[in-house]
Amino acid sequence: MKTVRIDFNFENYSVPALIVFAERVSKNVKRNTFFSDIRVIIEDLDDLRGYLLLYYNEATYNENVEHKALINQTQEDLIKVLKIVSRYVNRIANGDQTVICSCGFHLEEQTIDPMY
């Protein structure tokens, strides 16, 4: 059985790509009426994206261990929130490519065991 799911491979994104991706997901989920009940999580996503952008910009001018640690921690936190949002979107979309893509996520096609 073939199903359409969100590609959860956020760890491989560069920091700038992750910032842009999180902004796109945030904008698209806010516009979609299916997802009005996760506004608080989207606000967390926006906050973390803003912090990551700030730390990344500061690190370009002042590269030290503290900035790298802040970037790494914020990046990990942002990925966790993106995974929460993507799991929720996957559940609501129930394999509907239109809903998944309208939220700004990428698709991953995979074979799923019906017993899973």
PDB file of N, CA and C in Angstrom:
ATOM      1  N   MET A   1       0.845  -1.163   0.000  1.00  0.00           N
ATOM      2  CA  MET A   1       0.000   0.000   0.000  1.00  0.00           C
ATOM      3  C   MET A   1       0.900   1.239   0.000  1.00  0.00           C
ATOM      4  N   LYS A   2       0.617   2.181  -0.883  1.00  0.00           N
ATOM      5  CA  LYS A   2       1.423   3.383  -1.030  1.00  0.00           C
ATOM      6  C   LYS A   2       0.693   4.550  -0.374  1.00  0.00           C
ATOM      7  N   THR A   3       1.418   5.333   0.384  1.00  0.00           N
ATOM      8  CA  THR A   3       0.807   6.496   1.024  1.00  0.00           C
ATOM      9  C   THR A   3       1.761   7.681   0.907  1.00  0.00           C
ATOM     10  N   VAL A   4       1.225   8.850   1.020  1.00  0.00           N
ATOM     11  CA  VAL A   4       2.015  10.081   0.918  1.00  0.00           C
ATOM     12  C   VAL A   4       2.176  10.649   2.314  1.00  0.00           C
ATOM     13  N   ARG A   5       3.391  10.944   2.679  1.00  0.00           N
ATOM     14  CA  ARG A   5       3.707  11.493   3.994  1.00  0.00           C
ATOM     15  C   ARG A   5       4.644  12.690   3.813  1.00  0.00           C
ATOM     16  N   ILE A   6       4.842  13.396   4.896  1.00  0.00           N
ATOM     17  CA  ILE A   6       5.784  14.515   4.914  1.00  0.00           C
ATOM     18  C   ILE A   6       7.197  13.971   5.059  1.00  0.00           C
ATOM     19  N   ASP A   7       8.118  14.581   4.361  1.00  0.00           N
ATOM     20  CA  ASP A   7       9.535  14.246   4.498  1.00  0.00           C
ATOM     21  C   ASP A   7      10.038  14.878   5.795  1.00  0.00           C
ATOM     22  N   PHE A   8      10.423  14.044   6.769  1.00  0.00           N
ATOM     23  CA  PHE A   8      10.858  14.515   8.087  1.00  0.00           C
ATOM     24  C   PHE A   8      12.370  14.749   8.162  1.00  0.00           C
ATOM     25  N   ASN A   9      13.035  14.914   7.072  1.00  0.00           N
ATOM     26  CA  ASN A   9      14.486  14.979   7.030  1.00  0.00           C
ATOM     27  C   ASN A   9      15.000  16.396   7.305  1.00  0.00           C
ATOM     28  N   PHE A  10      14.516  17.026   8.366  1.00  0.00           N
ATOM     29  CA  PHE A  10      14.875  18.412   8.657  1.00  0.00           C
ATOM     30  C   PHE A  10      16.314  18.565   9.149  1.00  0.00           C
ATOM     31  N   GLU A  11      16.886  17.509   9.705  1.00  0.00           N
ATOM     32  CA  GLU A  11      18.247  17.582  10.253  1.00  0.00           C
ATOM     33  C   GLU A  11      19.292  17.876   9.183  1.00  0.00           C
ATOM     34  N   ASN A  12      18.985  17.538   7.928  1.00  0.00           N
ATOM     35  CA  ASN A  12      19.948  17.745   6.849  1.00  0.00           C
ATOM     36  C   ASN A  12      19.900  19.147   6.252  1.00  0.00           C
ATOM     37  N   TYR A  13      18.990  19.978   6.717  1.00  0.00           N
ATOM     38  CA  TYR A  13      18.899  21.342   6.197  1.00  0.00           C
ATOM     39  C   TYR A  13      20.006  22.202   6.792  1.00  0.00           C
ATOM     40  N   SER A  14      20.554  23.085   5.981  1.00  0.00           N
ATOM     41  CA  SER A  14      21.491  24.071   6.516  1.00  0.00           C
ATOM     42  C   SER A  14      20.695  25.057   7.373  1.00  0.00           C
ATOM     43  N   VAL A  15      21.386  25.836   8.185  1.00  0.00           N
ATOM     44  CA  VAL A  15      20.695  26.795   9.054  1.00  0.00           C
ATOM     45  C   VAL A  15      19.887  27.803   8.231  1.00  0.00           C
ATOM     46  N   PRO A  16      20.461  28.421   7.182  1.00  0.00           N
ATOM     47  CA  PRO A  16      19.641  29.352   6.391  1.00  0.00           C
ATOM     48  C   PRO A  16      18.426  28.669   5.742  1.00  0.00           C
ATOM     49  N   ALA A  17      18.609  27.444   5.241  1.00  0.00           N
ATOM     50  CA  ALA A  17      17.488  26.722   4.622  1.00  0.00           C
ATOM     51  C   ALA A  17      16.418  26.394   5.654  1.00  0.00           C
ATOM     52  N   LEU A  18      16.826  26.049   6.864  1.00  0.00           N
ATOM     53  CA  LEU A  18      15.877  25.734   7.932  1.00  0.00           C
ATOM     54  C   LEU A  18      15.076  26.973   8.321  1.00  0.00           C
ATOM     55  N   ILE A  19      15.728  28.118   8.369  1.00  0.00           N
ATOM     56  CA  ILE A  19      15.050  29.380   8.707  1.00  0.00           C
ATOM     57  C   ILE A  19      13.984  29.703   7.653  1.00  0.00           C
ATOM     58  N   VAL A  20      14.343  29.591   6.390  1.00  0.00           N
ATOM     59  CA  VAL A  20      13.406  29.883   5.299  1.00  0.00           C
ATOM     60  C   VAL A  20      12.259  28.868   5.294  1.00  0.00           C
ATOM     61  N   PHE A  21      12.595  27.599   5.491  1.00  0.00           N
ATOM     62  CA  PHE A  21      11.583  26.547   5.506  1.00  0.00           C
ATOM     63  C   PHE A  21      10.590  26.763   6.653  1.00  0.00           C
ATOM     64  N   ALA A  22      11.090  27.075   7.842  1.00  0.00           N
ATOM     65  CA  ALA A  22      10.215  27.300   8.999  1.00  0.00           C
ATOM     66  C   ALA A  22       9.299  28.497   8.762  1.00  0.00           C
ATOM     67  N   GLU A  23       9.807  29.525   8.124  1.00  0.00           N
ATOM     68  CA  GLU A  23       8.975  30.694   7.821  1.00  0.00           C
ATOM     69  C   GLU A  23       7.860  30.323   6.841  1.00  0.00           C
ATOM     70  N   ARG A  24       8.200  29.535   5.814  1.00  0.00           N
ATOM     71  CA  ARG A  24       7.207  29.118   4.828  1.00  0.00           C
ATOM     72  C   ARG A  24       6.117  28.256   5.476  1.00  0.00           C
ATOM     73  N   VAL A  25       6.530  27.304   6.308  1.00  0.00           N
ATOM     74  CA  VAL A  25       5.560  26.444   6.985  1.00  0.00           C
ATOM     75  C   VAL A  25       4.656  27.282   7.883  1.00  0.00           C
ATOM     76  N   SER A  26       5.237  28.190   8.638  1.00  0.00           N
ATOM     77  CA  SER A  26       4.460  29.032   9.545  1.00  0.00           C
ATOM     78  C   SER A  26       3.402  29.836   8.785  1.00  0.00           C
ATOM     79  N   LYS A  27       3.801  30.497   7.717  1.00  0.00           N
ATOM     80  CA  LYS A  27       2.866  31.305   6.929  1.00  0.00           C
ATOM     81  C   LYS A  27       1.735  30.450   6.368  1.00  0.00           C
ATOM     82  N   ASN A  28       2.100  29.310   5.797  1.00  0.00           N
ATOM     83  CA  ASN A  28       1.103  28.469   5.141  1.00  0.00           C
ATOM     84  C   ASN A  28       0.160  27.804   6.138  1.00  0.00           C
ATOM     85  N   VAL A  29       0.659  27.376   7.283  1.00  0.00           N
ATOM     86  CA  VAL A  29      -0.208  26.756   8.282  1.00  0.00           C
ATOM     87  C   VAL A  29      -1.159  27.801   8.871  1.00  0.00           C
ATOM     88  N   LYS A  30      -0.680  29.016   9.076  1.00  0.00           N
ATOM     89  CA  LYS A  30      -1.545  30.073   9.615  1.00  0.00           C
ATOM     90  C   LYS A  30      -2.713  30.371   8.679  1.00  0.00           C
ATOM     91  N   ARG A  31      -2.461  30.275   7.372  1.00  0.00           N
ATOM     92  CA  ARG A  31      -3.511  30.573   6.396  1.00  0.00           C
ATOM     93  C   ARG A  31      -4.533  29.451   6.257  1.00  0.00           C
ATOM     94  N   ASN A  32      -4.163  28.240   6.652  1.00  0.00           N
ATOM     95  CA  ASN A  32      -5.011  27.084   6.440  1.00  0.00           C
ATOM     96  C   ASN A  32      -5.978  26.910   7.617  1.00  0.00           C
ATOM     97  N   THR A  33      -7.267  26.909   7.341  1.00  0.00           N
ATOM     98  CA  THR A  33      -8.273  26.843   8.401  1.00  0.00           C
ATOM     99  C   THR A  33      -8.321  25.485   9.100  1.00  0.00           C
ATOM    100  N   PHE A  34      -7.757  24.445   8.482  1.00  0.00           N
ATOM    101  CA  PHE A  34      -7.711  23.130   9.134  1.00  0.00           C
ATOM    102  C   PHE A  34      -6.891  23.161  10.421  1.00  0.00           C
ATOM    103  N   PHE A  35      -5.951  24.094  10.520  1.00  0.00           N
ATOM    104  CA  PHE A  35      -4.953  24.056  11.583  1.00  0.00           C
ATOM    105  C   PHE A  35      -5.055  25.221  12.554  1.00  0.00           C
ATOM    106  N   SER A  36      -6.249  25.722  12.771  1.00  0.00           N
ATOM    107  CA  SER A  36      -6.415  26.872  13.668  1.00  0.00           C
ATOM    108  C   SER A  36      -6.139  26.512  15.128  1.00  0.00           C
ATOM    109  N   ASP A  37      -6.182  25.235  15.474  1.00  0.00           N
ATOM    110  CA  ASP A  37      -5.993  24.849  16.870  1.00  0.00           C
ATOM    111  C   ASP A  37      -4.537  24.648  17.273  1.00  0.00           C
ATOM    112  N   ILE A  38      -3.595  24.887  16.373  1.00  0.00           N
ATOM    113  CA  ILE A  38      -2.175  24.758  16.752  1.00  0.00           C
ATOM    114  C   ILE A  38      -1.455  26.112  16.693  1.00  0.00           C
ATOM    115  N   ARG A  39      -2.193  27.175  16.882  1.00  0.00           N
ATOM    116  CA  ARG A  39      -1.607  28.529  16.832  1.00  0.00           C
ATOM    117  C   ARG A  39      -0.479  28.713  17.843  1.00  0.00           C
ATOM    118  N   VAL A  40      -0.613  28.144  19.025  1.00  0.00           N
ATOM    119  CA  VAL A  40       0.416  28.304  20.064  1.00  0.00           C
ATOM    120  C   VAL A  40       1.730  27.664  19.605  1.00  0.00           C
ATOM    121  N   ILE A  41       1.639  26.508  19.012  1.00  0.00           N
ATOM    122  CA  ILE A  41       2.850  25.829  18.519  1.00  0.00           C
ATOM    123  C   ILE A  41       3.469  26.629  17.374  1.00  0.00           C
ATOM    124  N   ILE A  42       2.640  27.216  16.524  1.00  0.00           N
ATOM    125  CA  ILE A  42       3.165  28.037  15.429  1.00  0.00           C
ATOM    126  C   ILE A  42       3.846  29.287  15.975  1.00  0.00           C
ATOM    127  N   GLU A  43       3.328  29.833  17.062  1.00  0.00           N
ATOM    128  CA  GLU A  43       3.996  30.976  17.698  1.00  0.00           C
ATOM    129  C   GLU A  43       5.366  30.562  18.228  1.00  0.00           C
ATOM    130  N   ASP A  44       5.456  29.371  18.805  1.00  0.00           N
ATOM    131  CA  ASP A  44       6.761  28.844  19.240  1.00  0.00           C
ATOM    132  C   ASP A  44       7.704  28.678  18.054  1.00  0.00           C
ATOM    133  N   LEU A  45       7.174  28.177  16.959  1.00  0.00           N
ATOM    134  CA  LEU A  45       7.963  28.015  15.734  1.00  0.00           C
ATOM    135  C   LEU A  45       8.504  29.359  15.265  1.00  0.00           C
ATOM    136  N   ASP A  46       7.648  30.374  15.276  1.00  0.00           N
ATOM    137  CA  ASP A  46       8.074  31.722  14.862  1.00  0.00           C
ATOM    138  C   ASP A  46       9.149  32.282  15.795  1.00  0.00           C
ATOM    139  N   ASP A  47       8.958  32.086  17.097  1.00  0.00           N
ATOM    140  CA  ASP A  47       9.945  32.579  18.067  1.00  0.00           C
ATOM    141  C   ASP A  47      11.302  31.908  17.864  1.00  0.00           C
ATOM    142  N   LEU A  48      11.289  30.594  17.737  1.00  0.00           N
ATOM    143  CA  LEU A  48      12.548  29.868  17.552  1.00  0.00           C
ATOM    144  C   LEU A  48      13.228  30.244  16.239  1.00  0.00           C
ATOM    145  N   ARG A  49      12.428  30.427  15.189  1.00  0.00           N
ATOM    146  CA  ARG A  49      12.988  30.849  13.905  1.00  0.00           C
ATOM    147  C   ARG A  49      13.647  32.219  14.030  1.00  0.00           C
ATOM    148  N   GLY A  50      12.988  33.119  14.751  1.00  0.00           N
ATOM    149  CA  GLY A  50      13.552  34.453  14.965  1.00  0.00           C
ATOM    150  C   GLY A  50      14.847  34.414  15.761  1.00  0.00           C
ATOM    151  N   TYR A  51      14.884  33.589  16.807  1.00  0.00           N
ATOM    152  CA  TYR A  51      16.114  33.452  17.595  1.00  0.00           C
ATOM    153  C   TYR A  51      17.237  32.839  16.759  1.00  0.00           C
ATOM    154  N   LEU A  52      16.902  31.821  15.982  1.00  0.00           N
ATOM    155  CA  LEU A  52      17.926  31.180  15.158  1.00  0.00           C
ATOM    156  C   LEU A  52      18.486  32.165  14.139  1.00  0.00           C
ATOM    157  N   LEU A  53      17.628  32.965  13.541  1.00  0.00           N
ATOM    158  CA  LEU A  53      18.075  33.986  12.595  1.00  0.00           C
ATOM    159  C   LEU A  53      18.986  35.003  13.287  1.00  0.00           C
ATOM    160  N   LEU A  54      18.599  35.448  14.474  1.00  0.00           N
ATOM    161  CA  LEU A  54      19.399  36.397  15.240  1.00  0.00           C
ATOM    162  C   LEU A  54      20.772  35.820  15.574  1.00  0.00           C
ATOM    163  N   TYR A  55      20.798  34.597  16.121  1.00  0.00           N
ATOM    164  CA  TYR A  55      22.066  33.969  16.497  1.00  0.00           C
ATOM    165  C   TYR A  55      22.941  33.702  15.279  1.00  0.00           C
ATOM    166  N   TYR A  56      22.318  33.307  14.186  1.00  0.00           N
ATOM    167  CA  TYR A  56      23.075  33.027  12.964  1.00  0.00           C
ATOM    168  C   TYR A  56      23.706  34.320  12.422  1.00  0.00           C
ATOM    169  N   ASN A  57      22.925  35.409  12.425  1.00  0.00           N
ATOM    170  CA  ASN A  57      23.463  36.690  11.955  1.00  0.00           C
ATOM    171  C   ASN A  57      24.582  37.188  12.864  1.00  0.00           C
ATOM    172  N   GLU A  58      24.421  37.036  14.170  1.00  0.00           N
ATOM    173  CA  GLU A  58      25.468  37.449  15.106  1.00  0.00           C
ATOM    174  C   GLU A  58      26.731  36.619  14.909  1.00  0.00           C
ATOM    175  N   ALA A  59      26.562  35.345  14.622  1.00  0.00           N
ATOM    176  CA  ALA A  59      27.720  34.459  14.458  1.00  0.00           C
ATOM    177  C   ALA A  59      28.516  34.798  13.207  1.00  0.00           C
ATOM    178  N   THR A  60      27.897  35.412  12.218  1.00  0.00           N
ATOM    179  CA  THR A  60      28.646  35.780  11.019  1.00  0.00           C
ATOM    180  C   THR A  60      29.637  36.902  11.305  1.00  0.00           C
ATOM    181  N   TYR A  61      29.352  37.708  12.327  1.00  0.00           N
ATOM    182  CA  TYR A  61      30.242  38.805  12.690  1.00  0.00           C
ATOM    183  C   TYR A  61      31.138  38.469  13.877  1.00  0.00           C
ATOM    184  N   ASN A  62      30.689  37.592  14.732  1.00  0.00           N
ATOM    185  CA  ASN A  62      31.430  37.283  15.945  1.00  0.00           C
ATOM    186  C   ASN A  62      31.364  35.779  16.187  1.00  0.00           C
ATOM    187  N   GLU A  63      32.279  35.069  15.584  1.00  0.00           N
ATOM    188  CA  GLU A  63      32.244  33.611  15.678  1.00  0.00           C
ATOM    189  C   GLU A  63      32.973  33.145  16.937  1.00  0.00           C
ATOM    190  N   ASN A  64      32.208  32.639  17.883  1.00  0.00           N
ATOM    191  CA  ASN A  64      32.800  32.065  19.078  1.00  0.00           C
ATOM    192  C   ASN A  64      31.992  30.846  19.512  1.00  0.00           C
ATOM    193  N   VAL A  65      32.470  30.176  20.522  1.00  0.00           N
ATOM    194  CA  VAL A  65      31.853  28.926  20.972  1.00  0.00           C
ATOM    195  C   VAL A  65      30.430  29.161  21.474  1.00  0.00           C
ATOM    196  N   GLU A  66      30.203  30.277  22.163  1.00  0.00           N
ATOM    197  CA  GLU A  66      28.881  30.555  22.704  1.00  0.00           C
ATOM    198  C   GLU A  66      27.840  30.698  21.593  1.00  0.00           C
ATOM    199  N   HIS A  67      28.200  31.414  20.526  1.00  0.00           N
ATOM    200  CA  HIS A  67      27.275  31.582  19.408  1.00  0.00           C
ATOM    201  C   HIS A  67      26.968  30.250  18.735  1.00  0.00           C
ATOM    202  N   LYS A  68      27.986  29.430  18.565  1.00  0.00           N
ATOM    203  CA  LYS A  68      27.773  28.115  17.950  1.00  0.00           C
ATOM    204  C   LYS A  68      26.856  27.253  18.809  1.00  0.00           C
ATOM    205  N   ALA A  69      27.040  27.312  20.125  1.00  0.00           N
ATOM    206  CA  ALA A  69      26.193  26.539  21.033  1.00  0.00           C
ATOM    207  C   ALA A  69      24.741  27.028  20.975  1.00  0.00           C
ATOM    208  N   LEU A  70      24.550  28.350  20.937  1.00  0.00           N
ATOM    209  CA  LEU A  70      23.199  28.901  20.831  1.00  0.00           C
ATOM    210  C   LEU A  70      22.534  28.490  19.522  1.00  0.00           C
ATOM    211  N   ILE A  71      23.291  28.534  18.438  1.00  0.00           N
ATOM    212  CA  ILE A  71      22.763  28.127  17.132  1.00  0.00           C
ATOM    213  C   ILE A  71      22.373  26.658  17.160  1.00  0.00           C
ATOM    214  N   ASN A  72      23.255  25.814  17.674  1.00  0.00           N
ATOM    215  CA  ASN A  72      22.974  24.376  17.695  1.00  0.00           C
ATOM    216  C   ASN A  72      21.753  24.044  18.549  1.00  0.00           C
ATOM    217  N   GLN A  73      21.652  24.642  19.737  1.00  0.00           N
ATOM    218  CA  GLN A  73      20.517  24.369  20.614  1.00  0.00           C
ATOM    219  C   GLN A  73      19.213  24.867  20.005  1.00  0.00           C
ATOM    220  N   THR A  74      19.233  26.072  19.450  1.00  0.00           N
ATOM    221  CA  THR A  74      18.027  26.637  18.851  1.00  0.00           C
ATOM    222  C   THR A  74      17.620  25.848  17.614  1.00  0.00           C
ATOM    223  N   GLN A  75      18.606  25.404  16.852  1.00  0.00           N
ATOM    224  CA  GLN A  75      18.323  24.589  15.671  1.00  0.00           C
ATOM    225  C   GLN A  75      17.652  23.269  16.079  1.00  0.00           C
ATOM    226  N   GLU A  76      18.158  22.631  17.113  1.00  0.00           N
ATOM    227  CA  GLU A  76      17.552  21.390  17.612  1.00  0.00           C
ATOM    228  C   GLU A  76      16.112  21.625  18.076  1.00  0.00           C
ATOM    229  N   ASP A  77      15.894  22.725  18.797  1.00  0.00           N
ATOM    230  CA  ASP A  77      14.552  23.044  19.291  1.00  0.00           C
ATOM    231  C   ASP A  77      13.592  23.333  18.129  1.00  0.00           C
ATOM    232  N   LEU A  78      14.089  24.046  17.124  1.00  0.00           N
ATOM    233  CA  LEU A  78      13.259  24.354  15.963  1.00  0.00           C
ATOM    234  C   LEU A  78      12.883  23.082  15.208  1.00  0.00           C
ATOM    235  N   ILE A  79      13.817  22.169  15.076  1.00  0.00           N
ATOM    236  CA  ILE A  79      13.539  20.896  14.406  1.00  0.00           C
ATOM    237  C   ILE A  79      12.500  20.097  15.188  1.00  0.00           C
ATOM    238  N   LYS A  80      12.585  20.110  16.515  1.00  0.00           N
ATOM    239  CA  LYS A  80      11.584  19.407  17.342  1.00  0.00           C
ATOM    240  C   LYS A  80      10.186  19.974  17.101  1.00  0.00           C
ATOM    241  N   VAL A  81      10.076  21.297  17.066  1.00  0.00           N
ATOM    242  CA  VAL A  81       8.767  21.922  16.853  1.00  0.00           C
ATOM    243  C   VAL A  81       8.276  21.643  15.427  1.00  0.00           C
ATOM    244  N   LEU A  82       9.174  21.680  14.443  1.00  0.00           N
ATOM    245  CA  LEU A  82       8.779  21.353  13.070  1.00  0.00           C
ATOM    246  C   LEU A  82       8.263  19.919  12.972  1.00  0.00           C
ATOM    247  N   LYS A  83       8.873  19.012  13.713  1.00  0.00           N
ATOM    248  CA  LYS A  83       8.409  17.620  13.696  1.00  0.00           C
ATOM    249  C   LYS A  83       7.032  17.493  14.337  1.00  0.00           C
ATOM    250  N   ILE A  84       6.774  18.250  15.403  1.00  0.00           N
ATOM    251  CA  ILE A  84       5.451  18.238  16.025  1.00  0.00           C
ATOM    252  C   ILE A  84       4.405  18.738  15.027  1.00  0.00           C
ATOM    253  N   VAL A  85       4.708  19.856  14.377  1.00  0.00           N
ATOM    254  CA  VAL A  85       3.774  20.428  13.400  1.00  0.00           C
ATOM    255  C   VAL A  85       3.577  19.462  12.230  1.00  0.00           C
ATOM    256  N   SER A  86       4.658  18.873  11.749  1.00  0.00           N
ATOM    257  CA  SER A  86       4.549  17.984  10.587  1.00  0.00           C
ATOM    258  C   SER A  86       3.759  16.718  10.924  1.00  0.00           C
ATOM    259  N   ARG A  87       3.921  16.190  12.117  1.00  0.00           N
ATOM    260  CA  ARG A  87       3.126  15.016  12.521  1.00  0.00           C
ATOM    261  C   ARG A  87       1.645  15.366  12.594  1.00  0.00           C
ATOM    262  N   TYR A  88       1.358  16.535  13.119  1.00  0.00           N
ATOM    263  CA  TYR A  88      -0.035  16.981  13.200  1.00  0.00           C
ATOM    264  C   TYR A  88      -0.625  17.150  11.799  1.00  0.00           C
ATOM    265  N   VAL A  89       0.128  17.803  10.914  1.00  0.00           N
ATOM    266  CA  VAL A  89      -0.336  17.994   9.534  1.00  0.00           C
ATOM    267  C   VAL A  89      -0.532  16.638   8.856  1.00  0.00           C
ATOM    268  N   ASN A  90       0.398  15.711   9.059  1.00  0.00           N
ATOM    269  CA  ASN A  90       0.258  14.365   8.493  1.00  0.00           C
ATOM    270  C   ASN A  90      -1.039  13.711   8.957  1.00  0.00           C
ATOM    271  N   ARG A  91      -1.345  13.846  10.243  1.00  0.00           N
ATOM    272  CA  ARG A  91      -2.535  13.219  10.793  1.00  0.00           C
ATOM    273  C   ARG A  91      -3.807  13.833  10.212  1.00  0.00           C
ATOM    274  N   ILE A  92      -3.852  15.151  10.139  1.00  0.00           N
ATOM    275  CA  ILE A  92      -5.035  15.832   9.614  1.00  0.00           C
ATOM    276  C   ILE A  92      -5.167  15.589   8.104  1.00  0.00           C
ATOM    277  N   ALA A  93      -4.057  15.641   7.382  1.00  0.00           N
ATOM    278  CA  ALA A  93      -4.083  15.488   5.925  1.00  0.00           C
ATOM    279  C   ALA A  93      -4.482  14.076   5.518  1.00  0.00           C
ATOM    280  N   ASN A  94      -4.101  13.088   6.307  1.00  0.00           N
ATOM    281  CA  ASN A  94      -4.444  11.698   6.031  1.00  0.00           C
ATOM    282  C   ASN A  94      -4.070  11.290   4.608  1.00  0.00           C
ATOM    283  N   GLY A  95      -2.853  11.679   4.196  1.00  0.00           N
ATOM    284  CA  GLY A  95      -2.351  11.293   2.879  1.00  0.00           C
ATOM    285  C   GLY A  95      -2.742  12.223   1.744  1.00  0.00           C
ATOM    286  N   ASP A  96      -3.472  13.293   2.028  1.00  0.00           N
ATOM    287  CA  ASP A  96      -3.890  14.242   0.992  1.00  0.00           C
ATOM    288  C   ASP A  96      -2.721  15.158   0.628  1.00  0.00           C
ATOM    289  N   GLN A  97      -2.202  14.972  -0.577  1.00  0.00           N
ATOM    290  CA  GLN A  97      -1.039  15.749  -1.033  1.00  0.00           C
ATOM    291  C   GLN A  97      -1.318  17.244  -1.036  1.00  0.00           C
ATOM    292  N   THR A  98      -2.528  17.616  -1.390  1.00  0.00           N
ATOM    293  CA  THR A  98      -2.876  19.036  -1.471  1.00  0.00           C
ATOM    294  C   THR A  98      -2.745  19.710  -0.112  1.00  0.00           C
ATOM    295  N   VAL A  99      -3.238  19.058   0.922  1.00  0.00           N
ATOM    296  CA  VAL A  99      -3.161  19.636   2.270  1.00  0.00           C
ATOM    297  C   VAL A  99      -1.707  19.719   2.722  1.00  0.00           C
ATOM    298  N   ILE A 100      -0.946  18.669   2.503  1.00  0.00           N
ATOM    299  CA  ILE A 100       0.461  18.647   2.920  1.00  0.00           C
ATOM    300  C   ILE A 100       1.246  19.746   2.207  1.00  0.00           C
ATOM    301  N   CYS A 101       1.103  19.824   0.893  1.00  0.00           N
ATOM    302  CA  CYS A 101       1.850  20.831   0.131  1.00  0.00           C
ATOM    303  C   CYS A 101       1.382  22.251   0.438  1.00  0.00           C
ATOM    304  N   SER A 102       0.088  22.411   0.719  1.00  0.00           N
ATOM    305  CA  SER A 102      -0.420  23.753   1.027  1.00  0.00           C
ATOM    306  C   SER A 102       0.137  24.278   2.346  1.00  0.00           C
ATOM    307  N   CYS A 103       0.651  23.388   3.183  1.00  0.00           N
ATOM    308  CA  CYS A 103       1.260  23.796   4.449  1.00  0.00           C
ATOM    309  C   CYS A 103       2.753  24.072   4.306  1.00  0.00           C
ATOM    310  N   GLY A 104       3.300  23.879   3.118  1.00  0.00           N
ATOM    311  CA  GLY A 104       4.699  24.195   2.886  1.00  0.00           C
ATOM    312  C   GLY A 104       5.650  23.039   3.091  1.00  0.00           C
ATOM    313  N   PHE A 105       5.134  21.851   3.358  1.00  0.00           N
ATOM    314  CA  PHE A 105       6.004  20.693   3.571  1.00  0.00           C
ATOM    315  C   PHE A 105       6.321  19.997   2.255  1.00  0.00           C
ATOM    316  N   HIS A 106       7.410  19.249   2.271  1.00  0.00           N
ATOM    317  CA  HIS A 106       7.808  18.433   1.131  1.00  0.00           C
ATOM    318  C   HIS A 106       7.241  17.036   1.316  1.00  0.00           C
ATOM    319  N   LEU A 107       6.997  16.357   0.202  1.00  0.00           N
ATOM    320  CA  LEU A 107       6.429  15.017   0.254  1.00  0.00           C
ATOM    321  C   LEU A 107       7.515  13.956   0.232  1.00  0.00           C
ATOM    322  N   GLU A 108       7.215  12.866   0.899  1.00  0.00           N
ATOM    323  CA  GLU A 108       8.058  11.689   0.838  1.00  0.00           C
ATOM    324  C   GLU A 108       7.137  10.517   0.581  1.00  0.00           C
ATOM    325  N   GLU A 109       7.338   9.835  -0.530  1.00  0.00           N
ATOM    326  CA  GLU A 109       6.514   8.667  -0.815  1.00  0.00           C
ATOM    327  C   GLU A 109       7.220   7.445  -0.273  1.00  0.00           C
ATOM    328  N   GLN A 110       6.477   6.634   0.417  1.00  0.00           N
ATOM    329  CA  GLN A 110       7.053   5.445   1.010  1.00  0.00           C
ATOM    330  C   GLN A 110       6.010   4.352   1.086  1.00  0.00           C
ATOM    331  N   THR A 111       6.466   3.133   1.135  1.00  0.00           N
ATOM    332  CA  THR A 111       5.561   2.010   1.290  1.00  0.00           C
ATOM    333  C   THR A 111       5.370   1.758   2.775  1.00  0.00           C
ATOM    334  N   ILE A 112       4.139   1.675   3.203  1.00  0.00           N
ATOM    335  CA  ILE A 112       3.832   1.483   4.611  1.00  0.00           C
ATOM    336  C   ILE A 112       3.200   0.106   4.789  1.00  0.00           C
ATOM    337  N   ASP A 113       3.660  -0.609   5.775  1.00  0.00           N
ATOM    338  CA  ASP A 113       3.081  -1.898   6.100  1.00  0.00           C
ATOM    339  C   ASP A 113       1.696  -1.653   6.685  1.00  0.00           C
ATOM    340  N   PRO A 114       0.646  -2.284   6.148  1.00  0.00           N
ATOM    341  CA  PRO A 114      -0.711  -2.063   6.693  1.00  0.00           C
ATOM    342  C   PRO A 114      -0.839  -2.440   8.164  1.00  0.00           C
ATOM    343  N   MET A 115       0.024  -3.296   8.659  1.00  0.00           N
ATOM    344  CA  MET A 115      -0.043  -3.696  10.056  1.00  0.00           C
ATOM    345  C   MET A 115       0.625  -2.681  10.975  1.00  0.00           C
ATOM    346  N   TYR A 116       1.320  -1.728  10.438  1.00  0.00           N
ATOM    347  CA  TYR A 116       2.082  -0.751  11.204  1.00  0.00           C
ATOM    348  C   TYR A 116       1.198   0.245  11.879  1.00  0.00           C
TER     349      TYR A 116
END
